[in-house]
């Protein structure tokens, strides 16, 4: 069979993610794409505890706050148009209620710091080298929260600035969790608002910085996954993009996921994902007739599959699925399913 694209070679790092592993993913939309897929497959993964982060310094600051055990106070928030925000967080944490914002942020910090402490893998998806600095304080913000552009200064980090920051960060992370393996990737999603040339300069800056970091630290605990290169070389066709022509399509995410999982996941866990996915899809299934005997058989089959899996793999988080099928079965037997 002819090969119709240039294939990106992915190094075998000897890293094997399995269902026992705890992982944290931080960064761009691409981290969300991979992280949400792992969550759906019931891996022990924490995805973007601060929300989506695009630039290296925002990612670095977020990790430092987790390591330091930061607790946010009223002084860390600001109000704009009646809504309270944090410059370090995505708008999903924002609210008209200040205490609600603080509670949401601090609860997540506690959970994520504990998760990072026990994680074996940390994946960082760098999106852009461009940063926004709040003029009145010099603070680099993760989210501008629709404040006027005049309040910010836009700058592009240099490879040297990123390397200097991350050398200190990585050492701090390893003091916090010596077993942590760090996987860098550069997001394949283009930042077109920066401009075509500026986007390429930005991605190049990130690639140069990551290469210097991995060369300096070695690949035993610090490595690179070529998601950017896979899209640019293997998927260079707009049919692999979303309608905005910038974000990648679900088909492209599938392709990258296949390459990621085949290289970085333990074989036993990779096989197990197929069984887990069947149960997850079973829960998502909406039958035409819930009162039929076929639906009862469907519920009993899925409960049996869950119980069999949990006997062999008791660490799997299938509690929601088991509860769902039990409630549906009880409703069927009571004649109250709708």
C-alpha atoms as a PDB file:
ATOM      1  CA  UNK A   1       0.000   0.000   0.000  1.00  0.00           C
ATOM      2  CA  UNK A   2       1.309   3.454  -0.923  1.00  0.00           C
ATOM      3  CA  UNK A   3       2.060   5.956   1.835  1.00  0.00           C
ATOM      4  CA  UNK A   4       0.290   9.226   1.009  1.00  0.00           C
ATOM      5  CA  UNK A   5       1.814  11.422   3.703  1.00  0.00           C
ATOM      6  CA  UNK A   6       5.143  11.985   5.413  1.00  0.00           C
ATOM      7  CA  UNK A   7       4.974  10.168   8.727  1.00  0.00           C
ATOM      8  CA  UNK A   8       6.361  11.760  11.883  1.00  0.00           C
ATOM      9  CA  UNK A   9       8.638   9.401  13.766  1.00  0.00           C
ATOM     10  CA  UNK A  10       7.896   9.274  17.499  1.00  0.00           C
ATOM     11  CA  UNK A  11      10.649   8.150  19.830  1.00  0.00           C
ATOM     12  CA  UNK A  12       9.977   5.249  22.144  1.00  0.00           C
ATOM     13  CA  UNK A  13      10.648   6.850  25.515  1.00  0.00           C
ATOM     14  CA  UNK A  14       9.980   3.744  27.547  1.00  0.00           C
ATOM     15  CA  UNK A  15       7.247   5.680  29.377  1.00  0.00           C
ATOM     16  CA  UNK A  16       4.111   3.612  29.913  1.00  0.00           C
ATOM     17  CA  UNK A  17       0.928   5.248  31.153  1.00  0.00           C
ATOM     18  CA  UNK A  18      -1.572   2.823  32.651  1.00  0.00           C
ATOM     19  CA  UNK A  19      -4.748   2.914  34.713  1.00  0.00           C
ATOM     20  CA  UNK A  20      -2.708   2.993  37.922  1.00  0.00           C
ATOM     21  CA  UNK A  21      -0.932   6.181  36.788  1.00  0.00           C
ATOM     22  CA  UNK A  22      -2.010   9.632  37.894  1.00  0.00           C
ATOM     23  CA  UNK A  23      -1.571  12.378  35.312  1.00  0.00           C
ATOM     24  CA  UNK A  24      -1.988  16.127  35.102  1.00  0.00           C
ATOM     25  CA  UNK A  25      -2.421  18.043  31.843  1.00  0.00           C
ATOM     26  CA  UNK A  26      -2.032  21.810  31.612  1.00  0.00           C
ATOM     27  CA  UNK A  27      -2.084  24.250  28.751  1.00  0.00           C
ATOM     28  CA  UNK A  28      -3.920  24.965  25.554  1.00  0.00           C
ATOM     29  CA  UNK A  29      -7.097  23.591  23.965  1.00  0.00           C
ATOM     30  CA  UNK A  30      -5.044  20.589  22.865  1.00  0.00           C
ATOM     31  CA  UNK A  31      -4.464  19.639  26.524  1.00  0.00           C
ATOM     32  CA  UNK A  32      -8.249  19.753  26.910  1.00  0.00           C
ATOM     33  CA  UNK A  33      -8.723  17.531  23.825  1.00  0.00           C
ATOM     34  CA  UNK A  34      -6.415  14.800  25.118  1.00  0.00           C
ATOM     35  CA  UNK A  35      -7.345  15.249  28.776  1.00  0.00           C
ATOM     36  CA  UNK A  36     -11.085  14.986  28.195  1.00  0.00           C
ATOM     37  CA  UNK A  37     -10.550  11.844  26.161  1.00  0.00           C
ATOM     38  CA  UNK A  38      -8.567  10.313  29.030  1.00  0.00           C
ATOM     39  CA  UNK A  39     -11.240  11.353  31.520  1.00  0.00           C
ATOM     40  CA  UNK A  40     -13.898   9.666  29.388  1.00  0.00           C
ATOM     41  CA  UNK A  41     -11.811   6.491  29.433  1.00  0.00           C
ATOM     42  CA  UNK A  42     -11.592   6.725  33.248  1.00  0.00           C
ATOM     43  CA  UNK A  43      -7.887   7.446  33.608  1.00  0.00           C
ATOM     44  CA  UNK A  44      -6.825   9.212  36.805  1.00  0.00           C
ATOM     45  CA  UNK A  45      -6.273  12.591  35.201  1.00  0.00           C
ATOM     46  CA  UNK A  46      -6.576  16.226  36.295  1.00  0.00           C
ATOM     47  CA  UNK A  47      -7.046  18.609  33.360  1.00  0.00           C
ATOM     48  CA  UNK A  48      -6.333  22.346  33.515  1.00  0.00           C
ATOM     49  CA  UNK A  49      -7.166  23.131  37.158  1.00  0.00           C
ATOM     50  CA  UNK A  50      -6.847  26.857  36.329  1.00  0.00           C
ATOM     51  CA  UNK A  51      -8.712  26.547  33.038  1.00  0.00           C
ATOM     52  CA  UNK A  52      -7.147  26.746  29.586  1.00  0.00           C
ATOM     53  CA  UNK A  53      -3.691  28.365  29.591  1.00  0.00           C
ATOM     54  CA  UNK A  54      -1.891  29.378  26.416  1.00  0.00           C
ATOM     55  CA  UNK A  55       1.518  30.837  27.214  1.00  0.00           C
ATOM     56  CA  UNK A  56       4.457  29.197  29.035  1.00  0.00           C
ATOM     57  CA  UNK A  57       4.644  31.750  31.845  1.00  0.00           C
ATOM     58  CA  UNK A  58       0.990  31.320  32.821  1.00  0.00           C
ATOM     59  CA  UNK A  59       1.486  27.545  32.894  1.00  0.00           C
ATOM     60  CA  UNK A  60       4.664  27.961  34.946  1.00  0.00           C
ATOM     61  CA  UNK A  61       2.982  30.277  37.454  1.00  0.00           C
ATOM     62  CA  UNK A  62       0.045  27.889  37.867  1.00  0.00           C
ATOM     63  CA  UNK A  63       2.338  24.972  38.654  1.00  0.00           C
ATOM     64  CA  UNK A  64       4.314  27.049  41.149  1.00  0.00           C
ATOM     65  CA  UNK A  65       1.092  28.005  42.933  1.00  0.00           C
ATOM     66  CA  UNK A  66       0.179  24.322  43.253  1.00  0.00           C
ATOM     67  CA  UNK A  67       3.627  23.450  44.600  1.00  0.00           C
ATOM     68  CA  UNK A  68       3.574  26.361  47.078  1.00  0.00           C
ATOM     69  CA  UNK A  69       0.061  25.589  48.349  1.00  0.00           C
ATOM     70  CA  UNK A  70      -1.266  29.030  47.469  1.00  0.00           C
ATOM     71  CA  UNK A  71      -4.630  30.097  48.919  1.00  0.00           C
ATOM     72  CA  UNK A  72      -6.422  32.912  47.106  1.00  0.00           C
ATOM     73  CA  UNK A  73      -7.922  35.858  48.978  1.00  0.00           C
ATOM     74  CA  UNK A  74     -10.056  38.863  48.041  1.00  0.00           C
ATOM     75  CA  UNK A  75      -6.865  40.741  47.118  1.00  0.00           C
ATOM     76  CA  UNK A  76      -6.235  38.250  44.290  1.00  0.00           C
ATOM     77  CA  UNK A  77      -9.546  39.013  42.568  1.00  0.00           C
ATOM     78  CA  UNK A  78     -10.876  41.994  40.636  1.00  0.00           C
ATOM     79  CA  UNK A  79     -14.360  43.108  39.699  1.00  0.00           C
ATOM     80  CA  UNK A  80     -15.407  44.098  36.177  1.00  0.00           C
ATOM     81  CA  UNK A  81     -18.971  44.865  35.101  1.00  0.00           C
ATOM     82  CA  UNK A  82     -20.352  43.271  38.251  1.00  0.00           C
ATOM     83  CA  UNK A  83     -18.426  40.007  37.844  1.00  0.00           C
ATOM     84  CA  UNK A  84     -15.473  38.838  39.956  1.00  0.00           C
ATOM     85  CA  UNK A  85     -12.471  37.352  38.157  1.00  0.00           C
ATOM     86  CA  UNK A  86      -8.924  36.109  38.691  1.00  0.00           C
ATOM     87  CA  UNK A  87      -6.264  37.037  36.140  1.00  0.00           C
ATOM     88  CA  UNK A  88      -4.753  33.573  36.742  1.00  0.00           C
ATOM     89  CA  UNK A  89      -7.928  31.684  35.877  1.00  0.00           C
ATOM     90  CA  UNK A  90     -10.346  30.966  33.065  1.00  0.00           C
ATOM     91  CA  UNK A  91     -13.776  32.620  33.174  1.00  0.00           C
ATOM     92  CA  UNK A  92     -15.348  29.312  34.257  1.00  0.00           C
ATOM     93  CA  UNK A  93     -14.280  30.324  37.791  1.00  0.00           C
ATOM     94  CA  UNK A  94     -15.836  33.814  37.492  1.00  0.00           C
ATOM     95  CA  UNK A  95     -19.065  34.802  39.245  1.00  0.00           C
ATOM     96  CA  UNK A  96     -21.070  37.749  40.531  1.00  0.00           C
ATOM     97  CA  UNK A  97     -20.474  36.246  43.992  1.00  0.00           C
ATOM     98  CA  UNK A  98     -16.933  36.935  45.214  1.00  0.00           C
ATOM     99  CA  UNK A  99     -16.959  34.204  47.866  1.00  0.00           C
ATOM    100  CA  UNK A 100     -18.138  31.666  45.309  1.00  0.00           C
ATOM    101  CA  UNK A 101     -15.130  32.515  43.125  1.00  0.00           C
ATOM    102  CA  UNK A 102     -12.712  32.132  46.043  1.00  0.00           C
ATOM    103  CA  UNK A 103     -14.277  28.865  47.177  1.00  0.00           C
ATOM    104  CA  UNK A 104     -14.148  27.406  43.659  1.00  0.00           C
ATOM    105  CA  UNK A 105     -10.529  28.428  43.115  1.00  0.00           C
ATOM    106  CA  UNK A 106      -9.254  27.287  46.519  1.00  0.00           C
ATOM    107  CA  UNK A 107     -11.093  23.967  46.506  1.00  0.00           C
ATOM    108  CA  UNK A 108      -9.603  23.183  43.105  1.00  0.00           C
ATOM    109  CA  UNK A 109      -6.121  24.226  44.274  1.00  0.00           C
ATOM    110  CA  UNK A 110      -6.232  21.792  47.203  1.00  0.00           C
ATOM    111  CA  UNK A 111      -7.437  18.906  45.042  1.00  0.00           C
ATOM    112  CA  UNK A 112      -4.980  19.575  42.228  1.00  0.00           C
ATOM    113  CA  UNK A 113      -1.965  20.081  44.499  1.00  0.00           C
ATOM    114  CA  UNK A 114      -2.634  16.665  46.043  1.00  0.00           C
ATOM    115  CA  UNK A 115      -3.077  15.137  42.584  1.00  0.00           C
ATOM    116  CA  UNK A 116       0.178  16.665  41.310  1.00  0.00           C
ATOM    117  CA  UNK A 117       2.028  15.383  44.373  1.00  0.00           C
ATOM    118  CA  UNK A 118       1.016  11.817  43.460  1.00  0.00           C
ATOM    119  CA  UNK A 119       1.215  12.118  39.669  1.00  0.00           C
ATOM    120  CA  UNK A 120       3.673  10.153  37.601  1.00  0.00           C
ATOM    121  CA  UNK A 121       3.162  12.179  34.418  1.00  0.00           C
ATOM    122  CA  UNK A 122       2.713  15.886  33.686  1.00  0.00           C
ATOM    123  CA  UNK A 123       1.836  16.943  30.138  1.00  0.00           C
ATOM    124  CA  UNK A 124       2.309  20.602  29.209  1.00  0.00           C
ATOM    125  CA  UNK A 125       0.764  21.867  25.961  1.00  0.00           C
ATOM    126  CA  UNK A 126       2.303  25.218  25.000  1.00  0.00           C
ATOM    127  CA  UNK A 127       0.116  27.326  22.715  1.00  0.00           C
ATOM    128  CA  UNK A 128       1.843  30.647  22.112  1.00  0.00           C
ATOM    129  CA  UNK A 129       4.932  32.613  23.109  1.00  0.00           C
ATOM    130  CA  UNK A 130       2.870  35.823  23.159  1.00  0.00           C
ATOM    131  CA  UNK A 131       1.914  37.145  26.595  1.00  0.00           C
ATOM    132  CA  UNK A 132      -0.279  39.951  27.915  1.00  0.00           C
ATOM    133  CA  UNK A 133       1.106  42.086  30.715  1.00  0.00           C
ATOM    134  CA  UNK A 134      -1.178  44.259  32.838  1.00  0.00           C
ATOM    135  CA  UNK A 135       0.327  47.726  32.499  1.00  0.00           C
ATOM    136  CA  UNK A 136      -0.531  49.015  35.967  1.00  0.00           C
ATOM    137  CA  UNK A 137       1.102  46.092  37.820  1.00  0.00           C
ATOM    138  CA  UNK A 138       3.386  44.306  35.347  1.00  0.00           C
ATOM    139  CA  UNK A 139       1.489  41.052  36.040  1.00  0.00           C
ATOM    140  CA  UNK A 140       1.383  38.513  33.205  1.00  0.00           C
ATOM    141  CA  UNK A 141      -2.234  37.453  32.895  1.00  0.00           C
ATOM    142  CA  UNK A 142      -3.644  34.108  31.842  1.00  0.00           C
ATOM    143  CA  UNK A 143      -6.947  35.669  30.821  1.00  0.00           C
ATOM    144  CA  UNK A 144      -7.803  39.291  29.991  1.00  0.00           C
ATOM    145  CA  UNK A 145     -11.499  38.757  30.844  1.00  0.00           C
ATOM    146  CA  UNK A 146     -12.555  41.238  28.132  1.00  0.00           C
ATOM    147  CA  UNK A 147     -10.925  44.238  29.791  1.00  0.00           C
ATOM    148  CA  UNK A 148      -9.973  47.028  27.352  1.00  0.00           C
ATOM    149  CA  UNK A 149      -6.904  46.170  25.255  1.00  0.00           C
ATOM    150  CA  UNK A 150      -5.334  49.497  26.286  1.00  0.00           C
ATOM    151  CA  UNK A 151      -4.808  48.091  29.795  1.00  0.00           C
ATOM    152  CA  UNK A 152      -2.357  45.470  28.524  1.00  0.00           C
ATOM    153  CA  UNK A 153       1.041  45.327  26.894  1.00  0.00           C
ATOM    154  CA  UNK A 154       1.545  42.512  24.372  1.00  0.00           C
ATOM    155  CA  UNK A 155       5.009  40.910  24.293  1.00  0.00           C
ATOM    156  CA  UNK A 156       6.628  37.834  22.781  1.00  0.00           C
ATOM    157  CA  UNK A 157       8.805  35.739  25.060  1.00  0.00           C
ATOM    158  CA  UNK A 158      12.246  34.703  23.854  1.00  0.00           C
ATOM    159  CA  UNK A 159      13.486  31.094  23.977  1.00  0.00           C
ATOM    160  CA  UNK A 160      15.992  32.173  26.616  1.00  0.00           C
ATOM    161  CA  UNK A 161      13.304  33.640  28.888  1.00  0.00           C
ATOM    162  CA  UNK A 162      11.244  30.457  28.684  1.00  0.00           C
ATOM    163  CA  UNK A 163      14.269  28.225  29.338  1.00  0.00           C
ATOM    164  CA  UNK A 164      15.397  30.259  32.353  1.00  0.00           C
ATOM    165  CA  UNK A 165      11.905  30.163  33.868  1.00  0.00           C
ATOM    166  CA  UNK A 166      11.391  26.446  33.240  1.00  0.00           C
ATOM    167  CA  UNK A 167      14.793  25.343  34.500  1.00  0.00           C
ATOM    168  CA  UNK A 168      13.814  26.636  37.929  1.00  0.00           C
ATOM    169  CA  UNK A 169      10.256  25.331  37.593  1.00  0.00           C
ATOM    170  CA  UNK A 170      11.287  21.777  36.682  1.00  0.00           C
ATOM    171  CA  UNK A 171      13.714  21.557  39.596  1.00  0.00           C
ATOM    172  CA  UNK A 172      10.965  22.815  41.943  1.00  0.00           C
ATOM    173  CA  UNK A 173       8.554  20.222  40.540  1.00  0.00           C
ATOM    174  CA  UNK A 174      11.049  17.417  41.096  1.00  0.00           C
ATOM    175  CA  UNK A 175      11.651  18.550  44.676  1.00  0.00           C
ATOM    176  CA  UNK A 176       7.875  18.439  45.163  1.00  0.00           C
ATOM    177  CA  UNK A 177       7.453  15.102  43.360  1.00  0.00           C
ATOM    178  CA  UNK A 178      10.719  13.309  42.464  1.00  0.00           C
ATOM    179  CA  UNK A 179       9.011  10.628  40.332  1.00  0.00           C
ATOM    180  CA  UNK A 180       7.315  13.143  37.996  1.00  0.00           C
ATOM    181  CA  UNK A 181       7.931  12.733  34.254  1.00  0.00           C
ATOM    182  CA  UNK A 182       7.274  15.858  32.174  1.00  0.00           C
ATOM    183  CA  UNK A 183       5.998  15.606  28.614  1.00  0.00           C
ATOM    184  CA  UNK A 184       6.065  18.794  26.550  1.00  0.00           C
ATOM    185  CA  UNK A 185       4.088  19.355  23.387  1.00  0.00           C
ATOM    186  CA  UNK A 186       3.461  22.414  21.218  1.00  0.00           C
ATOM    187  CA  UNK A 187      -0.199  22.875  20.399  1.00  0.00           C
ATOM    188  CA  UNK A 188      -1.058  22.354  16.711  1.00  0.00           C
ATOM    189  CA  UNK A 189      -3.773  25.017  16.999  1.00  0.00           C
ATOM    190  CA  UNK A 190      -2.660  28.206  15.259  1.00  0.00           C
ATOM    191  CA  UNK A 191      -3.097  31.629  16.877  1.00  0.00           C
ATOM    192  CA  UNK A 192      -4.180  33.403  13.711  1.00  0.00           C
ATOM    193  CA  UNK A 193      -5.043  36.683  15.437  1.00  0.00           C
ATOM    194  CA  UNK A 194      -1.304  37.106  15.915  1.00  0.00           C
ATOM    195  CA  UNK A 195      -0.860  36.925  12.137  1.00  0.00           C
ATOM    196  CA  UNK A 196       0.576  34.142   9.958  1.00  0.00           C
ATOM    197  CA  UNK A 197       4.228  35.142  10.351  1.00  0.00           C
ATOM    198  CA  UNK A 198       3.871  35.990  14.038  1.00  0.00           C
ATOM    199  CA  UNK A 199       2.215  32.625  14.698  1.00  0.00           C
ATOM    200  CA  UNK A 200       5.141  30.799  13.096  1.00  0.00           C
ATOM    201  CA  UNK A 201       7.664  32.857  15.057  1.00  0.00           C
ATOM    202  CA  UNK A 202       5.739  32.061  18.230  1.00  0.00           C
ATOM    203  CA  UNK A 203       5.629  28.306  17.576  1.00  0.00           C
ATOM    204  CA  UNK A 204       9.324  28.341  16.644  1.00  0.00           C
ATOM    205  CA  UNK A 205      10.138  30.102  19.911  1.00  0.00           C
ATOM    206  CA  UNK A 206       8.320  27.409  21.865  1.00  0.00           C
ATOM    207  CA  UNK A 207       9.999  24.590  19.938  1.00  0.00           C
ATOM    208  CA  UNK A 208      13.471  26.045  20.461  1.00  0.00           C
ATOM    209  CA  UNK A 209      12.867  26.515  24.187  1.00  0.00           C
ATOM    210  CA  UNK A 210      11.525  22.980  24.683  1.00  0.00           C
ATOM    211  CA  UNK A 211      14.434  21.491  22.738  1.00  0.00           C
ATOM    212  CA  UNK A 212      16.941  23.303  24.952  1.00  0.00           C
ATOM    213  CA  UNK A 213      15.161  22.141  28.106  1.00  0.00           C
ATOM    214  CA  UNK A 214      15.059  18.496  27.039  1.00  0.00           C
ATOM    215  CA  UNK A 215      18.681  18.598  25.887  1.00  0.00           C
ATOM    216  CA  UNK A 216      19.638  20.039  29.266  1.00  0.00           C
ATOM    217  CA  UNK A 217      17.627  17.682  31.465  1.00  0.00           C
ATOM    218  CA  UNK A 218      17.686  14.515  29.350  1.00  0.00           C
ATOM    219  CA  UNK A 219      14.788  12.364  28.162  1.00  0.00           C
ATOM    220  CA  UNK A 220      14.577  10.086  31.180  1.00  0.00           C
ATOM    221  CA  UNK A 221      12.221  12.493  32.957  1.00  0.00           C
ATOM    222  CA  UNK A 222      11.663  15.274  30.413  1.00  0.00           C
ATOM    223  CA  UNK A 223      10.544  14.625  26.812  1.00  0.00           C
ATOM    224  CA  UNK A 224       8.613  15.918  23.792  1.00  0.00           C
ATOM    225  CA  UNK A 225       5.553  14.607  21.952  1.00  0.00           C
ATOM    226  CA  UNK A 226       5.262  15.991  18.379  1.00  0.00           C
ATOM    227  CA  UNK A 227       1.554  16.874  18.146  1.00  0.00           C
ATOM    228  CA  UNK A 228       2.365  20.080  16.223  1.00  0.00           C
ATOM    229  CA  UNK A 229       4.473  18.173  13.710  1.00  0.00           C
ATOM    230  CA  UNK A 230       1.857  15.437  13.275  1.00  0.00           C
ATOM    231  CA  UNK A 231      -0.753  17.994  12.229  1.00  0.00           C
ATOM    232  CA  UNK A 232       1.631  20.007  10.046  1.00  0.00           C
ATOM    233  CA  UNK A 233       3.031  16.947   8.217  1.00  0.00           C
ATOM    234  CA  UNK A 234       0.596  14.050   8.443  1.00  0.00           C
ATOM    235  CA  UNK A 235      -2.640  16.061   8.452  1.00  0.00           C
ATOM    236  CA  UNK A 236      -1.887  19.041   6.216  1.00  0.00           C
ATOM    237  CA  UNK A 237      -5.323  19.208   4.667  1.00  0.00           C
ATOM    238  CA  UNK A 238      -8.189  21.476   5.736  1.00  0.00           C
ATOM    239  CA  UNK A 239     -10.521  18.488   6.055  1.00  0.00           C
ATOM    240  CA  UNK A 240      -8.703  17.850   9.343  1.00  0.00           C
ATOM    241  CA  UNK A 241      -9.715  21.261  10.678  1.00  0.00           C
ATOM    242  CA  UNK A 242     -12.860  22.582  12.345  1.00  0.00           C
ATOM    243  CA  UNK A 243     -15.071  25.084  10.443  1.00  0.00           C
ATOM    244  CA  UNK A 244     -13.004  28.015  11.796  1.00  0.00           C
ATOM    245  CA  UNK A 245     -10.005  26.554   9.872  1.00  0.00           C
ATOM    246  CA  UNK A 246      -7.811  27.019  12.965  1.00  0.00           C
ATOM    247  CA  UNK A 247      -8.833  24.407  15.526  1.00  0.00           C
ATOM    248  CA  UNK A 248      -8.331  20.786  14.583  1.00  0.00           C
ATOM    249  CA  UNK A 249     -11.272  18.475  13.904  1.00  0.00           C
ATOM    250  CA  UNK A 250     -12.374  15.479  15.941  1.00  0.00           C
ATOM    251  CA  UNK A 251     -10.881  13.279  13.216  1.00  0.00           C
ATOM    252  CA  UNK A 252      -7.499  14.960  13.726  1.00  0.00           C
ATOM    253  CA  UNK A 253      -7.748  14.498  17.500  1.00  0.00           C
ATOM    254  CA  UNK A 254      -8.524  10.806  16.872  1.00  0.00           C
ATOM    255  CA  UNK A 255      -5.378  10.488  14.745  1.00  0.00           C
ATOM    256  CA  UNK A 256      -3.153  12.163  17.337  1.00  0.00           C
ATOM    257  CA  UNK A 257      -4.758  10.167  20.143  1.00  0.00           C
ATOM    258  CA  UNK A 258      -3.991   6.926  18.313  1.00  0.00           C
ATOM    259  CA  UNK A 259      -0.316   7.881  17.957  1.00  0.00           C
ATOM    260  CA  UNK A 260      -0.123   9.157  21.532  1.00  0.00           C
ATOM    261  CA  UNK A 261      -1.744   6.090  23.085  1.00  0.00           C
ATOM    262  CA  UNK A 262       0.128   3.547  20.962  1.00  0.00           C
ATOM    263  CA  UNK A 263       3.496   5.021  21.996  1.00  0.00           C
ATOM    264  CA  UNK A 264       2.891   6.073  25.583  1.00  0.00           C
ATOM    265  CA  UNK A 265       0.353   3.636  27.016  1.00  0.00           C
ATOM    266  CA  UNK A 266       0.896   0.210  28.511  1.00  0.00           C
ATOM    267  CA  UNK A 267      -0.508  -2.530  26.281  1.00  0.00           C
ATOM    268  CA  UNK A 268      -2.798  -3.992  28.955  1.00  0.00           C
ATOM    269  CA  UNK A 269      -4.354  -0.588  29.681  1.00  0.00           C
ATOM    270  CA  UNK A 270      -4.725   0.146  25.976  1.00  0.00           C
ATOM    271  CA  UNK A 271      -6.764  -3.048  25.584  1.00  0.00           C
ATOM    272  CA  UNK A 272      -8.785  -2.136  28.653  1.00  0.00           C
ATOM    273  CA  UNK A 273      -9.810   1.202  27.118  1.00  0.00           C
ATOM    274  CA  UNK A 274     -11.944  -0.665  24.563  1.00  0.00           C
ATOM    275  CA  UNK A 275     -13.945  -2.361  27.323  1.00  0.00           C
ATOM    276  CA  UNK A 276     -14.313   0.877  29.290  1.00  0.00           C
ATOM    277  CA  UNK A 277     -15.447   2.781  26.204  1.00  0.00           C
ATOM    278  CA  UNK A 278     -18.193   0.223  25.505  1.00  0.00           C
ATOM    279  CA  UNK A 279     -19.605   0.829  28.989  1.00  0.00           C
ATOM    280  CA  UNK A 280     -19.357   4.622  28.644  1.00  0.00           C
ATOM    281  CA  UNK A 281     -21.118   4.483  25.273  1.00  0.00           C
ATOM    282  CA  UNK A 282     -23.716   2.175  26.794  1.00  0.00           C
ATOM    283  CA  UNK A 283     -24.523   4.836  29.390  1.00  0.00           C
ATOM    284  CA  UNK A 284     -24.836   7.428  26.623  1.00  0.00           C
ATOM    285  CA  UNK A 285     -27.189   5.201  24.614  1.00  0.00           C
ATOM    286  CA  UNK A 286     -30.814   6.358  24.475  1.00  0.00           C
ATOM    287  CA  UNK A 287     -33.183   3.484  23.629  1.00  0.00           C
ATOM    288  CA  UNK A 288     -36.412   3.958  21.682  1.00  0.00           C
ATOM    289  CA  UNK A 289     -38.447   1.745  24.054  1.00  0.00           C
ATOM    290  CA  UNK A 290     -37.305   1.586  27.665  1.00  0.00           C
ATOM    291  CA  UNK A 291     -40.146  -0.775  28.577  1.00  0.00           C
ATOM    292  CA  UNK A 292     -38.902  -3.553  26.264  1.00  0.00           C
ATOM    293  CA  UNK A 293     -37.266  -6.806  27.351  1.00  0.00           C
ATOM    294  CA  UNK A 294     -34.362  -5.886  25.089  1.00  0.00           C
ATOM    295  CA  UNK A 295     -33.667  -2.834  27.265  1.00  0.00           C
ATOM    296  CA  UNK A 296     -33.688  -4.982  30.410  1.00  0.00           C
ATOM    297  CA  UNK A 297     -31.171  -7.336  28.779  1.00  0.00           C
ATOM    298  CA  UNK A 298     -29.054  -4.336  27.781  1.00  0.00           C
ATOM    299  CA  UNK A 299     -28.993  -3.051  31.384  1.00  0.00           C
ATOM    300  CA  UNK A 300     -28.190  -6.457  32.851  1.00  0.00           C
ATOM    301  CA  UNK A 301     -25.406  -7.005  30.329  1.00  0.00           C
ATOM    302  CA  UNK A 302     -23.735  -3.675  31.138  1.00  0.00           C
ATOM    303  CA  UNK A 303     -23.992  -4.241  34.887  1.00  0.00           C
ATOM    304  CA  UNK A 304     -22.400  -7.653  34.453  1.00  0.00           C
ATOM    305  CA  UNK A 305     -19.586  -6.123  32.376  1.00  0.00           C
ATOM    306  CA  UNK A 306     -18.957  -3.436  35.015  1.00  0.00           C
ATOM    307  CA  UNK A 307     -18.886  -5.948  37.879  1.00  0.00           C
ATOM    308  CA  UNK A 308     -16.532  -8.241  35.964  1.00  0.00           C
ATOM    309  CA  UNK A 309     -14.188  -5.349  35.211  1.00  0.00           C
ATOM    310  CA  UNK A 310     -14.201  -4.154  38.822  1.00  0.00           C
ATOM    311  CA  UNK A 311     -13.330  -7.631  40.081  1.00  0.00           C
ATOM    312  CA  UNK A 312     -10.190  -7.619  37.949  1.00  0.00           C
ATOM    313  CA  UNK A 313      -9.471  -3.876  38.034  1.00  0.00           C
ATOM    314  CA  UNK A 314     -10.972  -2.519  41.300  1.00  0.00           C
ATOM    315  CA  UNK A 315      -9.239   0.841  40.822  1.00  0.00           C
ATOM    316  CA  UNK A 316     -11.396   1.736  37.789  1.00  0.00           C
ATOM    317  CA  UNK A 317     -13.721   4.671  38.438  1.00  0.00           C
ATOM    318  CA  UNK A 318     -16.974   3.238  37.087  1.00  0.00           C
ATOM    319  CA  UNK A 319     -19.156   4.324  40.011  1.00  0.00           C
ATOM    320  CA  UNK A 320     -21.346   6.706  37.994  1.00  0.00           C
ATOM    321  CA  UNK A 321     -21.905   4.139  35.272  1.00  0.00           C
ATOM    322  CA  UNK A 322     -22.791   1.394  37.741  1.00  0.00           C
ATOM    323  CA  UNK A 323     -25.209   3.674  39.589  1.00  0.00           C
ATOM    324  CA  UNK A 324     -26.851   4.725  36.314  1.00  0.00           C
ATOM    325  CA  UNK A 325     -27.493   1.161  35.131  1.00  0.00           C
ATOM    326  CA  UNK A 326     -28.725   0.097  38.592  1.00  0.00           C
ATOM    327  CA  UNK A 327     -31.201   2.999  38.725  1.00  0.00           C
ATOM    328  CA  UNK A 328     -32.399   2.288  35.190  1.00  0.00           C
ATOM    329  CA  UNK A 329     -32.842  -1.399  35.995  1.00  0.00           C
ATOM    330  CA  UNK A 330     -34.714  -0.586  39.191  1.00  0.00           C
ATOM    331  CA  UNK A 331     -36.948   1.786  37.228  1.00  0.00           C
ATOM    332  CA  UNK A 332     -37.611  -0.894  34.633  1.00  0.00           C
ATOM    333  CA  UNK A 333     -38.523  -3.457  37.286  1.00  0.00           C
ATOM    334  CA  UNK A 334     -40.780  -0.933  39.038  1.00  0.00           C
ATOM    335  CA  UNK A 335     -42.364  -0.025  35.701  1.00  0.00           C
ATOM    336  CA  UNK A 336     -41.352   3.635  36.091  1.00  0.00           C
ATOM    337  CA  UNK A 337     -38.732   4.087  33.353  1.00  0.00           C
ATOM    338  CA  UNK A 338     -39.516   6.838  30.855  1.00  0.00           C
END
